Amino acid sequence: VPISIANEAALGVLAEHRRGAAVGVDDVLYLSGE
């Protein structure tokens, strides 16, 4: 099956835009820190 690999923060901002704190917001800066 297809495998898609991406940076975790790039996927994090996409997740927040689709289903999280940034739903309905088109300009978003997402920071992740560990």
All heavy atoms as atom14 arrays in JSON, in Angstrom:
{
  "sequence": "VPISIANEAALGVLAEHRRGAAVGVDDVLYLSGE",
  "atom14_mask": [
    [1, 1, 1, 1, 1, 1, 1, 0, 0, 0, 0, 0, 0, 0],
    [1, 1, 1, 1, 1, 1, 1, 0, 0, 0, 0, 0, 0, 0],
    [1, 1, 1, 1, 1, 1, 1, 1, 0, 0, 0, 0, 0, 0],
    [1, 1, 1, 1, 1, 1, 0, 0, 0, 0, 0, 0, 0, 0],
    [1, 1, 1, 1, 1, 1, 1, 1, 0, 0, 0, 0, 0, 0],
    [1, 1, 1, 1, 1, 0, 0, 0, 0, 0, 0, 0, 0, 0],
    [1, 1, 1, 1, 1, 1, 1, 1, 0, 0, 0, 0, 0, 0],
    [1, 1, 1, 1, 1, 1, 1, 1, 1, 0, 0, 0, 0, 0],
    [1, 1, 1, 1, 1, 0, 0, 0, 0, 0, 0, 0, 0, 0],
    [1, 1, 1, 1, 1, 0, 0, 0, 0, 0, 0, 0, 0, 0],
    [1, 1, 1, 1, 1, 1, 1, 1, 0, 0, 0, 0, 0, 0],
    [1, 1, 1, 1, 0, 0, 0, 0, 0, 0, 0, 0, 0, 0],
    [1, 1, 1, 1, 1, 1, 1, 0, 0, 0, 0, 0, 0, 0],
    [1, 1, 1, 1, 1, 1, 1, 1, 0, 0, 0, 0, 0, 0],
    [1, 1, 1, 1, 1, 0, 0, 0, 0, 0, 0, 0, 0, 0],
    [1, 1, 1, 1, 1, 1, 1, 1, 1, 0, 0, 0, 0, 0],
    [1, 1, 1, 1, 1, 1, 1, 1, 1, 1, 0, 0, 0, 0],
    [1, 1, 1, 1, 1, 1, 1, 1, 1, 1, 1, 0, 0, 0],
    [1, 1, 1, 1, 1, 1, 1, 1, 1, 1, 1, 0, 0, 0],
    [1, 1, 1, 1, 0, 0, 0, 0, 0, 0, 0, 0, 0, 0],
    [1, 1, 1, 1, 1, 0, 0, 0, 0, 0, 0, 0, 0, 0],
    [1, 1, 1, 1, 1, 0, 0, 0, 0, 0, 0, 0, 0, 0],
    [1, 1, 1, 1, 1, 1, 1, 0, 0, 0, 0, 0, 0, 0],
    [1, 1, 1, 1, 0, 0, 0, 0, 0, 0, 0, 0, 0, 0],
    [1, 1, 1, 1, 1, 1, 1, 0, 0, 0, 0, 0, 0, 0],
    [1, 1, 1, 1, 1, 1, 1, 1, 0, 0, 0, 0, 0, 0],
    [1, 1, 1, 1, 1, 1, 1, 1, 0, 0, 0, 0, 0, 0],
    [1, 1, 1, 1, 1, 1, 1, 0, 0, 0, 0, 0, 0, 0],
    [1, 1, 1, 1, 1, 1, 1, 1, 0, 0, 0, 0, 0, 0],
    [1, 1, 1, 1, 1, 1, 1, 1, 1, 1, 1, 1, 0, 0],
    [1, 1, 1, 1, 1, 1, 1, 1, 0, 0, 0, 0, 0, 0],
    [1, 1, 1, 1, 1, 1, 0, 0, 0, 0, 0, 0, 0, 0],
    [1, 1, 1, 1, 0, 0, 0, 0, 0, 0, 0, 0, 0, 0],
    [1, 1, 1, 1, 1, 1, 1, 1, 1, 0, 0, 0, 0, 0]
  ],
  "atom14_positions": [
    [[0.86, -1.19, 0.0], [0.0, 0.0, 0.0], [0.89, 1.24, 0.0], [2.07, 1.19, 0.37], [-0.94, 0.02, 1.22], [-1.81, -1.22, 1.25], [-0.15, 0.15, 2.53], [0.0, 0.0, 0.0], [0.0, 0.0, 0.0], [0.0, 0.0, 0.0], [0.0, 0.0, 0.0], [0.0, 0.0, 0.0], [0.0, 0.0, 0.0], [0.0, 0.0, 0.0]],
    [[0.34, 2.38, -0.44], [1.15, 3.61, -0.49], [1.65, 4.02, 0.91], [0.93, 3.89, 1.91], [0.17, 4.65, -1.04], [-0.89, 3.88, -1.71], [-1.02, 2.59, -0.96], [0.0, 0.0, 0.0], [0.0, 0.0, 0.0], [0.0, 0.0, 0.0], [0.0, 0.0, 0.0], [0.0, 0.0, 0.0], [0.0, 0.0, 0.0], [0.0, 0.0, 0.0]],
    [[2.88, 4.5, 0.96], [3.47, 5.01, 2.19], [3.79, 6.48, 2.0], [4.46, 6.85, 1.03], [4.75, 4.24, 2.58], [4.45, 2.76, 2.82], [5.4, 4.86, 3.82], [5.68, 1.94, 3.16], [0.0, 0.0, 0.0], [0.0, 0.0, 0.0], [0.0, 0.0, 0.0], [0.0, 0.0, 0.0], [0.0, 0.0, 0.0], [0.0, 0.0, 0.0]],
    [[3.3, 7.32, 2.9], [3.56, 8.76, 2.84], [4.31, 9.16, 4.11], [3.86, 8.87, 5.22], [2.24, 9.52, 2.73], [2.47, 10.91, 2.71], [0.0, 0.0, 0.0], [0.0, 0.0, 0.0], [0.0, 0.0, 0.0], [0.0, 0.0, 0.0], [0.0, 0.0, 0.0], [0.0, 0.0, 0.0], [0.0, 0.0, 0.0], [0.0, 0.0, 0.0]],
    [[5.44, 9.84, 3.94], [6.29, 10.22, 5.07], [6.49, 11.73, 5.04], [6.74, 12.31, 3.98], [7.65, 9.51, 5.01], [7.45, 8.0, 4.98], [8.54, 9.91, 6.19], [8.74, 7.2, 4.84], [0.0, 0.0, 0.0], [0.0, 0.0, 0.0], [0.0, 0.0, 0.0], [0.0, 0.0, 0.0], [0.0, 0.0, 0.0], [0.0, 0.0, 0.0]],
    [[6.36, 12.37, 6.21], [6.52, 13.82, 6.29], [7.04, 14.21, 7.66], [7.02, 13.42, 8.61], [5.2, 14.53, 6.0], [0.0, 0.0, 0.0], [0.0, 0.0, 0.0], [0.0, 0.0, 0.0], [0.0, 0.0, 0.0], [0.0, 0.0, 0.0], [0.0, 0.0, 0.0], [0.0, 0.0, 0.0], [0.0, 0.0, 0.0], [0.0, 0.0, 0.0]],
    [[7.48, 15.45, 7.76], [7.94, 16.0, 9.04], [6.79, 16.06, 10.03], [5.66, 16.42, 9.67], [8.51, 17.4, 8.8], [8.84, 18.13, 10.08], [8.02, 18.92, 10.55], [10.0, 17.87, 10.63], [0.0, 0.0, 0.0], [0.0, 0.0, 0.0], [0.0, 0.0, 0.0], [0.0, 0.0, 0.0], [0.0, 0.0, 0.0], [0.0, 0.0, 0.0]],
    [[7.07, 15.74, 11.3], [5.99, 15.64, 12.29], [5.31, 16.99, 12.54], [4.11, 17.04, 12.76], [6.52, 15.05, 13.6], [7.75, 15.73, 14.19], [7.42, 16.89, 15.08], [6.33, 16.9, 15.66], [8.27, 17.79, 15.2], [0.0, 0.0, 0.0], [0.0, 0.0, 0.0], [0.0, 0.0, 0.0], [0.0, 0.0, 0.0], [0.0, 0.0, 0.0]],
    [[6.05, 18.1, 12.5], [5.42, 19.4, 12.74], [4.6, 19.85, 11.54], [3.56, 20.49, 11.69], [6.48, 20.44, 13.09], [0.0, 0.0, 0.0], [0.0, 0.0, 0.0], [0.0, 0.0, 0.0], [0.0, 0.0, 0.0], [0.0, 0.0, 0.0], [0.0, 0.0, 0.0], [0.0, 0.0, 0.0], [0.0, 0.0, 0.0], [0.0, 0.0, 0.0]],
    [[5.06, 19.51, 10.33], [4.28, 19.82, 9.13], [2.94, 19.08, 9.16], [1.91, 19.61, 8.74], [5.07, 19.44, 7.88], [0.0, 0.0, 0.0], [0.0, 0.0, 0.0], [0.0, 0.0, 0.0], [0.0, 0.0, 0.0], [0.0, 0.0, 0.0], [0.0, 0.0, 0.0], [0.0, 0.0, 0.0], [0.0, 0.0, 0.0], [0.0, 0.0, 0.0]],
    [[2.94, 17.85, 9.66], [1.7, 17.11, 9.81], [0.88, 17.62, 10.99], [-0.34, 17.6, 10.98], [2.0, 15.62, 9.99], [2.64, 14.93, 8.79], [2.98, 13.48, 9.11], [1.73, 14.98, 7.57], [0.0, 0.0, 0.0], [0.0, 0.0, 0.0], [0.0, 0.0, 0.0], [0.0, 0.0, 0.0], [0.0, 0.0, 0.0], [0.0, 0.0, 0.0]],
    [[1.58, 18.12, 12.03], [0.89, 18.66, 13.19], [0.03, 19.86, 12.84], [-1.12, 19.98, 13.29], [0.0, 0.0, 0.0], [0.0, 0.0, 0.0], [0.0, 0.0, 0.0], [0.0, 0.0, 0.0], [0.0, 0.0, 0.0], [0.0, 0.0, 0.0], [0.0, 0.0, 0.0], [0.0, 0.0, 0.0], [0.0, 0.0, 0.0], [0.0, 0.0, 0.0]],
    [[0.57, 20.78, 12.02], [-0.22, 21.96, 11.66], [-1.4, 21.55, 10.78], [-2.49, 22.12, 10.88], [0.67, 23.01, 10.96], [1.08, 22.6, 9.55], [-0.06, 24.35, 10.9], [0.0, 0.0, 0.0], [0.0, 0.0, 0.0], [0.0, 0.0, 0.0], [0.0, 0.0, 0.0], [0.0, 0.0, 0.0], [0.0, 0.0, 0.0], [0.0, 0.0, 0.0]],
    [[-1.21, 20.54, 9.94], [-2.31, 20.05, 9.11], [-3.41, 19.45, 9.98], [-4.61, 19.67, 9.75], [-1.79, 19.01, 8.12], [-2.76, 18.48, 7.09], [-3.26, 19.6, 6.19], [-2.12, 17.38, 6.25], [0.0, 0.0, 0.0], [0.0, 0.0, 0.0], [0.0, 0.0, 0.0], [0.0, 0.0, 0.0], [0.0, 0.0, 0.0], [0.0, 0.0, 0.0]],
    [[-3.02, 18.69, 11.02], [-4.0, 18.09, 11.93], [-4.78, 19.15, 12.69], [-6.01, 19.05, 12.85], [-3.29, 17.15, 12.9], [0.0, 0.0, 0.0], [0.0, 0.0, 0.0], [0.0, 0.0, 0.0], [0.0, 0.0, 0.0], [0.0, 0.0, 0.0], [0.0, 0.0, 0.0], [0.0, 0.0, 0.0], [0.0, 0.0, 0.0], [0.0, 0.0, 0.0]],
    [[-4.09, 20.18, 13.17], [-4.78, 21.25, 13.89], [-5.72, 22.02, 12.97], [-6.8, 22.44, 13.36], [-3.76, 22.21, 14.52], [-2.91, 21.6, 15.63], [-3.73, 21.21, 16.85], [-4.89, 21.68, 17.0], [-3.21, 20.44, 17.68], [0.0, 0.0, 0.0], [0.0, 0.0, 0.0], [0.0, 0.0, 0.0], [0.0, 0.0, 0.0], [0.0, 0.0, 0.0]],
    [[-5.31, 22.2, 11.72], [-6.14, 22.91, 10.75], [-7.39, 22.1, 10.39], [-8.48, 22.66, 10.21], [-5.31, 23.18, 9.49], [-6.04, 23.93, 8.42], [-6.4, 25.25, 8.54], [-6.48, 23.54, 7.2], [-7.04, 25.64, 7.45], [-7.1, 24.61, 6.61], [0.0, 0.0, 0.0], [0.0, 0.0, 0.0], [0.0, 0.0, 0.0], [0.0, 0.0, 0.0]],
    [[-7.23, 20.78, 10.3], [-8.36, 19.92, 9.91], [-9.28, 19.61, 11.08], [-10.5, 19.62, 10.92], [-7.81, 18.61, 9.35], [-7.1, 18.74, 8.01], [-8.06, 18.56, 6.84], [-7.37, 18.75, 5.56], [-6.74, 17.77, 4.93], [-6.7, 16.55, 5.45], [-6.15, 18.0, 3.78], [0.0, 0.0, 0.0], [0.0, 0.0, 0.0], [0.0, 0.0, 0.0]],
    [[-8.7, 19.33, 12.26], [-9.54, 18.78, 13.34], [-9.26, 19.38, 14.72], [-9.86, 18.96, 15.69], [-9.35, 17.27, 13.44], [-9.68, 16.52, 12.17], [-9.74, 15.03, 12.37], [-9.96, 14.35, 11.12], [-11.16, 14.21, 10.53], [-12.23, 14.68, 11.13], [-11.27, 13.59, 9.38], [0.0, 0.0, 0.0], [0.0, 0.0, 0.0], [0.0, 0.0, 0.0]],
    [[-8.34, 20.33, 14.82], [-7.94, 20.8, 16.14], [-8.23, 22.26, 16.39], [-9.27, 22.8, 15.99], [0.0, 0.0, 0.0], [0.0, 0.0, 0.0], [0.0, 0.0, 0.0], [0.0, 0.0, 0.0], [0.0, 0.0, 0.0], [0.0, 0.0, 0.0], [0.0, 0.0, 0.0], [0.0, 0.0, 0.0], [0.0, 0.0, 0.0], [0.0, 0.0, 0.0]],
    [[-7.26, 22.94, 17.02], [-7.45, 24.31, 17.48], [-7.53, 25.32, 16.34], [-7.98, 26.45, 16.55], [-6.3, 24.7, 18.42], [0.0, 0.0, 0.0], [0.0, 0.0, 0.0], [0.0, 0.0, 0.0], [0.0, 0.0, 0.0], [0.0, 0.0, 0.0], [0.0, 0.0, 0.0], [0.0, 0.0, 0.0], [0.0, 0.0, 0.0], [0.0, 0.0, 0.0]],
    [[-7.08, 24.94, 15.13], [-7.03, 25.89, 14.02], [-8.1, 25.64, 12.97], [-7.97, 26.1, 11.83], [-5.65, 25.87, 13.37], [0.0, 0.0, 0.0], [0.0, 0.0, 0.0], [0.0, 0.0, 0.0], [0.0, 0.0, 0.0], [0.0, 0.0, 0.0], [0.0, 0.0, 0.0], [0.0, 0.0, 0.0], [0.0, 0.0, 0.0], [0.0, 0.0, 0.0]],
    [[-9.15, 24.91, 13.31], [-10.25, 24.7, 12.35], [-10.85, 26.06, 11.98], [-11.17, 26.88, 12.83], [-11.34, 23.79, 12.96], [-12.58, 23.78, 12.09], [-10.81, 22.38, 13.13], [0.0, 0.0, 0.0], [0.0, 0.0, 0.0], [0.0, 0.0, 0.0], [0.0, 0.0, 0.0], [0.0, 0.0, 0.0], [0.0, 0.0, 0.0], [0.0, 0.0, 0.0]],
    [[-10.96, 26.32, 10.68], [-11.53, 27.58, 10.22], [-10.53, 28.71, 10.13], [-10.89, 29.83, 9.76], [0.0, 0.0, 0.0], [0.0, 0.0, 0.0], [0.0, 0.0, 0.0], [0.0, 0.0, 0.0], [0.0, 0.0, 0.0], [0.0, 0.0, 0.0], [0.0, 0.0, 0.0], [0.0, 0.0, 0.0], [0.0, 0.0, 0.0], [0.0, 0.0, 0.0]],
    [[-9.26, 28.45, 10.48], [-8.21, 29.48, 10.42], [-7.27, 29.12, 9.28], [-6.75, 28.01, 9.21], [-7.42, 29.54, 11.75], [-6.33, 30.61, 11.67], [-8.36, 29.8, 12.92], [0.0, 0.0, 0.0], [0.0, 0.0, 0.0], [0.0, 0.0, 0.0], [0.0, 0.0, 0.0], [0.0, 0.0, 0.0], [0.0, 0.0, 0.0], [0.0, 0.0, 0.0]],
    [[-7.02, 30.05, 8.38], [-6.24, 29.74, 7.18], [-4.76, 30.1, 7.29], [-3.95, 29.64, 6.49], [-6.83, 30.47, 5.97], [-8.11, 29.8, 5.47], [-8.32, 28.61, 5.82], [-8.89, 30.44, 4.77], [0.0, 0.0, 0.0], [0.0, 0.0, 0.0], [0.0, 0.0, 0.0], [0.0, 0.0, 0.0], [0.0, 0.0, 0.0], [0.0, 0.0, 0.0]],
    [[-4.38, 30.92, 8.25], [-2.97, 31.28, 8.44], [-2.56, 30.84, 9.83], [-3.0, 31.41, 10.84], [-2.77, 32.79, 8.27], [-3.16, 33.26, 6.87], [-2.58, 32.74, 5.91], [-4.04, 34.13, 6.76], [0.0, 0.0, 0.0], [0.0, 0.0, 0.0], [0.0, 0.0, 0.0], [0.0, 0.0, 0.0], [0.0, 0.0, 0.0], [0.0, 0.0, 0.0]],
    [[-1.71, 29.82, 9.89], [-1.41, 29.16, 11.16], [0.09, 28.93, 11.3], [0.76, 28.5, 10.35], [-2.12, 27.78, 11.27], [-1.9, 27.16, 12.64], [-3.59, 27.91, 10.96], [0.0, 0.0, 0.0], [0.0, 0.0, 0.0], [0.0, 0.0, 0.0], [0.0, 0.0, 0.0], [0.0, 0.0, 0.0], [0.0, 0.0, 0.0], [0.0, 0.0, 0.0]],
    [[0.63, 29.22, 12.47], [1.99, 28.82, 12.83], [1.88, 27.82, 13.97], [1.31, 28.13, 15.01], [2.83, 30.03, 13.28], [4.19, 29.7, 13.9], [5.09, 28.96, 12.92], [4.87, 30.96, 14.42], [0.0, 0.0, 0.0], [0.0, 0.0, 0.0], [0.0, 0.0, 0.0], [0.0, 0.0, 0.0], [0.0, 0.0, 0.0], [0.0, 0.0, 0.0]],
    [[2.4, 26.64, 13.76], [2.34, 25.55, 14.75], [3.76, 25.28, 15.24], [4.68, 25.13, 14.44], [1.75, 24.32, 14.08], [1.84, 23.03, 14.88], [0.81, 22.64, 15.72], [2.95, 22.19, 14.74], [0.89, 21.44, 16.43], [3.03, 21.01, 15.45], [2.0, 20.64, 16.29], [2.08, 19.46, 16.99], [0.0, 0.0, 0.0], [0.0, 0.0, 0.0]],
    [[3.95, 25.24, 16.56], [5.25, 24.92, 17.13], [5.14, 23.64, 17.94], [4.18, 23.46, 18.71], [5.74, 26.05, 18.04], [6.06, 27.38, 17.38], [6.47, 28.41, 18.42], [7.16, 27.23, 16.33], [0.0, 0.0, 0.0], [0.0, 0.0, 0.0], [0.0, 0.0, 0.0], [0.0, 0.0, 0.0], [0.0, 0.0, 0.0], [0.0, 0.0, 0.0]],
    [[6.12, 22.77, 17.79], [6.18, 21.57, 18.62], [7.56, 21.51, 19.26], [8.56, 21.81, 18.62], [5.94, 20.31, 17.77], [6.99, 20.12, 16.85], [0.0, 0.0, 0.0], [0.0, 0.0, 0.0], [0.0, 0.0, 0.0], [0.0, 0.0, 0.0], [0.0, 0.0, 0.0], [0.0, 0.0, 0.0], [0.0, 0.0, 0.0], [0.0, 0.0, 0.0]],
    [[7.57, 21.17, 20.52], [8.85, 21.14, 21.21], [8.96, 19.95, 22.13], [8.08, 19.7, 22.95], [0.0, 0.0, 0.0], [0.0, 0.0, 0.0], [0.0, 0.0, 0.0], [0.0, 0.0, 0.0], [0.0, 0.0, 0.0], [0.0, 0.0, 0.0], [0.0, 0.0, 0.0], [0.0, 0.0, 0.0], [0.0, 0.0, 0.0], [0.0, 0.0, 0.0]],
    [[10.01, 19.19, 21.95], [10.35, 18.1, 22.85], [11.86, 18.16, 23.0], [12.38, 19.15, 23.51], [9.85, 16.76, 22.3], [9.25, 15.87, 23.38], [8.66, 14.59, 22.83], [9.32, 13.97, 21.97], [7.56, 14.22, 23.26], [0.0, 0.0, 0.0], [0.0, 0.0, 0.0], [0.0, 0.0, 0.0], [0.0, 0.0, 0.0], [0.0, 0.0, 0.0]]
  ]
}
